[in-house]
């Protein structure tokens, strides 16, 4: 059905779902897109788009549900501090993009950062803070497949967790010494 639709331009039926994609399948797609792009973030977005085009529209939505769930899981002050330190400042939009970019770094990087945010010091390339893009790929593919905007699916967590920090060098340097040493202002 997918090949027929691509060849003849037939759109798939838009469907809503709150199901998640199998986590191994999700991370396999992310890892493949990162590997095939040799770590180039712009190229990774293109490769991810190609990989998602091989799925059904429903699977693309389930991929996005998983992506949103993982991005919402790291909606906390520690991750915002990391983005702030790495980027030399970080707005709420920047922070959303950072979390999407971090998911794009793969399961190991994502999970070790959850264990200890200062594990992010093992990253050598942060794409110079240009983190926008990966979060929108599934929506673009879904629109192309169905001709409709992606339905709501799972609503991402927008209740920030953890302990808020002050935007000053002393507190950030004290609270996150390894991150600050590597990327501090």
C-alpha atoms as a PDB file:
ATOM      1  CA  UNK A   1       0.000   0.000   0.000  1.00  0.00           C
ATOM      2  CA  UNK A   2       2.805   2.473   0.833  1.00  0.00           C
ATOM      3  CA  UNK A   3       4.579   2.012  -2.522  1.00  0.00           C
ATOM      4  CA  UNK A   4       1.275   2.290  -4.441  1.00  0.00           C
ATOM      5  CA  UNK A   5       0.433   5.511  -2.619  1.00  0.00           C
ATOM      6  CA  UNK A   6       3.865   6.993  -3.343  1.00  0.00           C
ATOM      7  CA  UNK A   7       3.749   6.004  -7.005  1.00  0.00           C
ATOM      8  CA  UNK A   8       0.229   7.217  -7.669  1.00  0.00           C
ATOM      9  CA  UNK A   9      -0.012  10.052  -5.151  1.00  0.00           C
ATOM     10  CA  UNK A  10      -2.940   8.586  -3.237  1.00  0.00           C
ATOM     11  CA  UNK A  11      -3.217  10.043   0.249  1.00  0.00           C
ATOM     12  CA  UNK A  12      -3.583   7.858   3.312  1.00  0.00           C
ATOM     13  CA  UNK A  13      -6.526   8.313   5.615  1.00  0.00           C
ATOM     14  CA  UNK A  14      -5.791  10.592   8.584  1.00  0.00           C
ATOM     15  CA  UNK A  15      -6.275   8.846  11.900  1.00  0.00           C
ATOM     16  CA  UNK A  16      -5.772   9.844  15.500  1.00  0.00           C
ATOM     17  CA  UNK A  17      -4.048   7.642  18.042  1.00  0.00           C
ATOM     18  CA  UNK A  18      -2.550   7.960  21.478  1.00  0.00           C
ATOM     19  CA  UNK A  19      -0.500   4.798  21.016  1.00  0.00           C
ATOM     20  CA  UNK A  20       3.260   4.914  21.296  1.00  0.00           C
ATOM     21  CA  UNK A  21       5.607   3.321  18.806  1.00  0.00           C
ATOM     22  CA  UNK A  22       7.506   0.354  20.181  1.00  0.00           C
ATOM     23  CA  UNK A  23      10.489   1.945  21.918  1.00  0.00           C
ATOM     24  CA  UNK A  24      13.058  -0.327  20.236  1.00  0.00           C
ATOM     25  CA  UNK A  25      11.629   0.549  16.822  1.00  0.00           C
ATOM     26  CA  UNK A  26      11.594   4.249  17.692  1.00  0.00           C
ATOM     27  CA  UNK A  27      15.209   4.300  18.883  1.00  0.00           C
ATOM     28  CA  UNK A  28      16.230   2.150  15.904  1.00  0.00           C
ATOM     29  CA  UNK A  29      14.861   4.808  13.548  1.00  0.00           C
ATOM     30  CA  UNK A  30      16.620   7.590  15.483  1.00  0.00           C
ATOM     31  CA  UNK A  31      19.924   5.679  15.599  1.00  0.00           C
ATOM     32  CA  UNK A  32      19.708   4.857  11.898  1.00  0.00           C
ATOM     33  CA  UNK A  33      19.047   8.480  10.951  1.00  0.00           C
ATOM     34  CA  UNK A  34      21.989   9.654  13.059  1.00  0.00           C
ATOM     35  CA  UNK A  35      24.322   6.972  11.721  1.00  0.00           C
ATOM     36  CA  UNK A  36      23.338   7.451   8.079  1.00  0.00           C
ATOM     37  CA  UNK A  37      23.882  11.200   8.396  1.00  0.00           C
ATOM     38  CA  UNK A  38      27.354  10.789   9.951  1.00  0.00           C
ATOM     39  CA  UNK A  39      26.253  13.025  12.816  1.00  0.00           C
ATOM     40  CA  UNK A  40      25.358  15.972  10.553  1.00  0.00           C
ATOM     41  CA  UNK A  41      22.195  17.354  12.173  1.00  0.00           C
ATOM     42  CA  UNK A  42      20.783  18.964   9.020  1.00  0.00           C
ATOM     43  CA  UNK A  43      21.307  15.757   7.070  1.00  0.00           C
ATOM     44  CA  UNK A  44      19.841  13.725   9.955  1.00  0.00           C
ATOM     45  CA  UNK A  45      16.550  15.572   9.497  1.00  0.00           C
ATOM     46  CA  UNK A  46      16.500  14.631   5.804  1.00  0.00           C
ATOM     47  CA  UNK A  47      17.375  11.005   6.528  1.00  0.00           C
ATOM     48  CA  UNK A  48      14.735  10.806   9.275  1.00  0.00           C
ATOM     49  CA  UNK A  49      12.168  12.179   6.833  1.00  0.00           C
ATOM     50  CA  UNK A  50      13.117   9.440   4.327  1.00  0.00           C
ATOM     51  CA  UNK A  51      12.803   6.752   6.990  1.00  0.00           C
ATOM     52  CA  UNK A  52       9.417   8.000   8.201  1.00  0.00           C
ATOM     53  CA  UNK A  53       8.112   8.092   4.629  1.00  0.00           C
ATOM     54  CA  UNK A  54       8.470   4.292   4.621  1.00  0.00           C
ATOM     55  CA  UNK A  55       5.960   4.031   7.476  1.00  0.00           C
ATOM     56  CA  UNK A  56       2.184   4.368   7.379  1.00  0.00           C
ATOM     57  CA  UNK A  57       0.658   7.670   8.493  1.00  0.00           C
ATOM     58  CA  UNK A  58      -0.530   5.970  11.679  1.00  0.00           C
ATOM     59  CA  UNK A  59       3.005   4.741  12.422  1.00  0.00           C
ATOM     60  CA  UNK A  60       4.329   8.270  11.830  1.00  0.00           C
ATOM     61  CA  UNK A  61       1.834   9.568  14.399  1.00  0.00           C
ATOM     62  CA  UNK A  62       2.896   6.859  16.858  1.00  0.00           C
ATOM     63  CA  UNK A  63       6.542   7.828  16.249  1.00  0.00           C
ATOM     64  CA  UNK A  64       5.622  11.444  17.036  1.00  0.00           C
ATOM     65  CA  UNK A  65       3.701  10.349  20.146  1.00  0.00           C
ATOM     66  CA  UNK A  66       6.844   8.628  21.396  1.00  0.00           C
ATOM     67  CA  UNK A  67       8.978  11.641  20.461  1.00  0.00           C
ATOM     68  CA  UNK A  68       6.630  13.987  22.361  1.00  0.00           C
ATOM     69  CA  UNK A  69       6.573  11.680  25.371  1.00  0.00           C
ATOM     70  CA  UNK A  70      10.367  11.543  25.509  1.00  0.00           C
ATOM     71  CA  UNK A  71      10.677  15.307  24.990  1.00  0.00           C
ATOM     72  CA  UNK A  72       8.150  15.896  27.787  1.00  0.00           C
ATOM     73  CA  UNK A  73      10.022  13.537  30.089  1.00  0.00           C
ATOM     74  CA  UNK A  74      13.029  15.854  30.053  1.00  0.00           C
ATOM     75  CA  UNK A  75      11.030  19.048  30.524  1.00  0.00           C
ATOM     76  CA  UNK A  76      12.799  19.960  33.730  1.00  0.00           C
ATOM     77  CA  UNK A  77      15.088  22.620  35.129  1.00  0.00           C
ATOM     78  CA  UNK A  78      18.263  20.487  34.935  1.00  0.00           C
ATOM     79  CA  UNK A  79      17.883  20.034  31.192  1.00  0.00           C
ATOM     80  CA  UNK A  80      17.004  23.699  30.723  1.00  0.00           C
ATOM     81  CA  UNK A  81      20.169  24.644  32.655  1.00  0.00           C
ATOM     82  CA  UNK A  82      22.221  22.360  30.411  1.00  0.00           C
ATOM     83  CA  UNK A  83      20.761  23.976  27.292  1.00  0.00           C
ATOM     84  CA  UNK A  84      21.302  27.420  28.814  1.00  0.00           C
ATOM     85  CA  UNK A  85      24.953  26.719  29.640  1.00  0.00           C
ATOM     86  CA  UNK A  86      25.751  24.992  26.331  1.00  0.00           C
ATOM     87  CA  UNK A  87      24.097  27.740  24.286  1.00  0.00           C
ATOM     88  CA  UNK A  88      25.015  30.760  26.413  1.00  0.00           C
ATOM     89  CA  UNK A  89      21.314  31.370  27.089  1.00  0.00           C
ATOM     90  CA  UNK A  90      18.129  29.560  26.118  1.00  0.00           C
ATOM     91  CA  UNK A  91      14.527  30.708  25.598  1.00  0.00           C
ATOM     92  CA  UNK A  92      11.547  28.369  25.934  1.00  0.00           C
ATOM     93  CA  UNK A  93      11.538  27.731  22.142  1.00  0.00           C
ATOM     94  CA  UNK A  94      15.268  27.058  22.234  1.00  0.00           C
ATOM     95  CA  UNK A  95      14.709  24.632  25.111  1.00  0.00           C
ATOM     96  CA  UNK A  96      12.055  22.726  23.161  1.00  0.00           C
ATOM     97  CA  UNK A  97      14.439  22.478  20.194  1.00  0.00           C
ATOM     98  CA  UNK A  98      17.274  21.357  22.502  1.00  0.00           C
ATOM     99  CA  UNK A  99      15.168  18.488  23.841  1.00  0.00           C
ATOM    100  CA  UNK A 100      14.304  17.369  20.299  1.00  0.00           C
ATOM    101  CA  UNK A 101      17.957  17.591  19.298  1.00  0.00           C
ATOM    102  CA  UNK A 102      18.951  15.572  22.376  1.00  0.00           C
ATOM    103  CA  UNK A 103      16.546  12.774  21.421  1.00  0.00           C
ATOM    104  CA  UNK A 104      18.204  12.809  18.006  1.00  0.00           C
ATOM    105  CA  UNK A 105      21.536  12.026  19.662  1.00  0.00           C
ATOM    106  CA  UNK A 106      20.237   8.544  20.461  1.00  0.00           C
ATOM    107  CA  UNK A 107      19.047   6.396  23.305  1.00  0.00           C
ATOM    108  CA  UNK A 108      22.365   6.118  25.162  1.00  0.00           C
ATOM    109  CA  UNK A 109      22.987   9.869  25.226  1.00  0.00           C
ATOM    110  CA  UNK A 110      19.384  10.568  26.222  1.00  0.00           C
ATOM    111  CA  UNK A 111      19.309   7.980  29.017  1.00  0.00           C
ATOM    112  CA  UNK A 112      22.743   8.784  30.458  1.00  0.00           C
ATOM    113  CA  UNK A 113      21.738  12.459  30.613  1.00  0.00           C
ATOM    114  CA  UNK A 114      18.612  11.478  32.568  1.00  0.00           C
ATOM    115  CA  UNK A 115      20.827   9.567  34.982  1.00  0.00           C
ATOM    116  CA  UNK A 116      23.117  12.577  35.453  1.00  0.00           C
ATOM    117  CA  UNK A 117      22.722  15.775  33.446  1.00  0.00           C
ATOM    118  CA  UNK A 118      26.461  16.400  33.605  1.00  0.00           C
ATOM    119  CA  UNK A 119      26.976  13.314  31.434  1.00  0.00           C
ATOM    120  CA  UNK A 120      26.243  15.711  28.565  1.00  0.00           C
ATOM    121  CA  UNK A 121      29.876  16.800  28.865  1.00  0.00           C
ATOM    122  CA  UNK A 122      30.741  13.691  26.844  1.00  0.00           C
ATOM    123  CA  UNK A 123      29.195  15.351  23.773  1.00  0.00           C
ATOM    124  CA  UNK A 124      31.747  16.883  21.461  1.00  0.00           C
ATOM    125  CA  UNK A 125      29.365  18.491  18.995  1.00  0.00           C
ATOM    126  CA  UNK A 126      26.307  20.456  20.043  1.00  0.00           C
ATOM    127  CA  UNK A 127      25.583  21.797  16.540  1.00  0.00           C
ATOM    128  CA  UNK A 128      26.487  25.272  17.843  1.00  0.00           C
ATOM    129  CA  UNK A 129      23.061  25.547  19.471  1.00  0.00           C
ATOM    130  CA  UNK A 130      21.250  25.214  16.137  1.00  0.00           C
ATOM    131  CA  UNK A 131      18.794  22.663  17.467  1.00  0.00           C
ATOM    132  CA  UNK A 132      15.650  23.447  15.516  1.00  0.00           C
ATOM    133  CA  UNK A 133      14.247  20.957  13.045  1.00  0.00           C
ATOM    134  CA  UNK A 134      14.031  17.372  14.258  1.00  0.00           C
ATOM    135  CA  UNK A 135      10.832  18.007  16.229  1.00  0.00           C
ATOM    136  CA  UNK A 136       8.949  18.925  13.034  1.00  0.00           C
ATOM    137  CA  UNK A 137       9.920  16.065  10.737  1.00  0.00           C
ATOM    138  CA  UNK A 138       7.081  13.691  11.692  1.00  0.00           C
ATOM    139  CA  UNK A 139       4.483  16.449  11.238  1.00  0.00           C
ATOM    140  CA  UNK A 140       5.806  17.211   7.743  1.00  0.00           C
ATOM    141  CA  UNK A 141       5.751  13.550   6.728  1.00  0.00           C
ATOM    142  CA  UNK A 142       2.244  13.044   8.140  1.00  0.00           C
ATOM    143  CA  UNK A 143       0.974  16.073   6.185  1.00  0.00           C
ATOM    144  CA  UNK A 144       2.556  14.732   2.995  1.00  0.00           C
ATOM    145  CA  UNK A 145       1.024  11.290   3.525  1.00  0.00           C
ATOM    146  CA  UNK A 146      -2.496  12.426   4.417  1.00  0.00           C
ATOM    147  CA  UNK A 147      -2.862  15.984   3.157  1.00  0.00           C
ATOM    148  CA  UNK A 148      -3.966  16.904   6.685  1.00  0.00           C
ATOM    149  CA  UNK A 149      -2.281  18.283   9.768  1.00  0.00           C
ATOM    150  CA  UNK A 150      -1.197  15.728  12.324  1.00  0.00           C
ATOM    151  CA  UNK A 151      -3.886  15.140  14.952  1.00  0.00           C
ATOM    152  CA  UNK A 152      -3.182  15.826  18.599  1.00  0.00           C
ATOM    153  CA  UNK A 153      -2.160  12.297  19.515  1.00  0.00           C
ATOM    154  CA  UNK A 154      -0.464  12.423  22.900  1.00  0.00           C
ATOM    155  CA  UNK A 155      -0.205  15.792  24.554  1.00  0.00           C
ATOM    156  CA  UNK A 156       3.334  16.498  25.635  1.00  0.00           C
ATOM    157  CA  UNK A 157       4.081  17.189  29.290  1.00  0.00           C
ATOM    158  CA  UNK A 158       4.382  20.945  29.797  1.00  0.00           C
ATOM    159  CA  UNK A 159       4.607  20.941  33.576  1.00  0.00           C
ATOM    160  CA  UNK A 160       8.249  21.664  34.303  1.00  0.00           C
ATOM    161  CA  UNK A 161       9.848  19.562  36.997  1.00  0.00           C
ATOM    162  CA  UNK A 162      12.803  19.941  39.286  1.00  0.00           C
ATOM    163  CA  UNK A 163      14.238  22.921  41.088  1.00  0.00           C
ATOM    164  CA  UNK A 164      14.398  26.270  39.315  1.00  0.00           C
ATOM    165  CA  UNK A 165      17.780  27.990  39.118  1.00  0.00           C
ATOM    166  CA  UNK A 166      18.779  31.638  38.859  1.00  0.00           C
ATOM    167  CA  UNK A 167      20.191  33.021  35.626  1.00  0.00           C
ATOM    168  CA  UNK A 168      23.587  33.905  37.026  1.00  0.00           C
ATOM    169  CA  UNK A 169      27.064  32.522  36.524  1.00  0.00           C
ATOM    170  CA  UNK A 170      27.725  31.720  40.170  1.00  0.00           C
ATOM    171  CA  UNK A 171      24.665  29.535  40.684  1.00  0.00           C
ATOM    172  CA  UNK A 172      25.038  27.722  37.359  1.00  0.00           C
ATOM    173  CA  UNK A 173      28.751  27.159  37.920  1.00  0.00           C
ATOM    174  CA  UNK A 174      28.119  25.821  41.429  1.00  0.00           C
ATOM    175  CA  UNK A 175      25.139  23.657  40.533  1.00  0.00           C
ATOM    176  CA  UNK A 176      26.523  22.242  37.235  1.00  0.00           C
ATOM    177  CA  UNK A 177      30.335  22.489  37.508  1.00  0.00           C
ATOM    178  CA  UNK A 178      31.227  20.029  34.739  1.00  0.00           C
ATOM    179  CA  UNK A 179      28.789  21.520  32.235  1.00  0.00           C
ATOM    180  CA  UNK A 180      29.947  25.007  33.141  1.00  0.00           C
ATOM    181  CA  UNK A 181      33.616  24.084  32.830  1.00  0.00           C
ATOM    182  CA  UNK A 182      33.090  22.721  29.313  1.00  0.00           C
ATOM    183  CA  UNK A 183      30.656  25.302  27.920  1.00  0.00           C
ATOM    184  CA  UNK A 184      30.330  28.072  30.501  1.00  0.00           C
ATOM    185  CA  UNK A 185      30.169  31.687  29.619  1.00  0.00           C
END
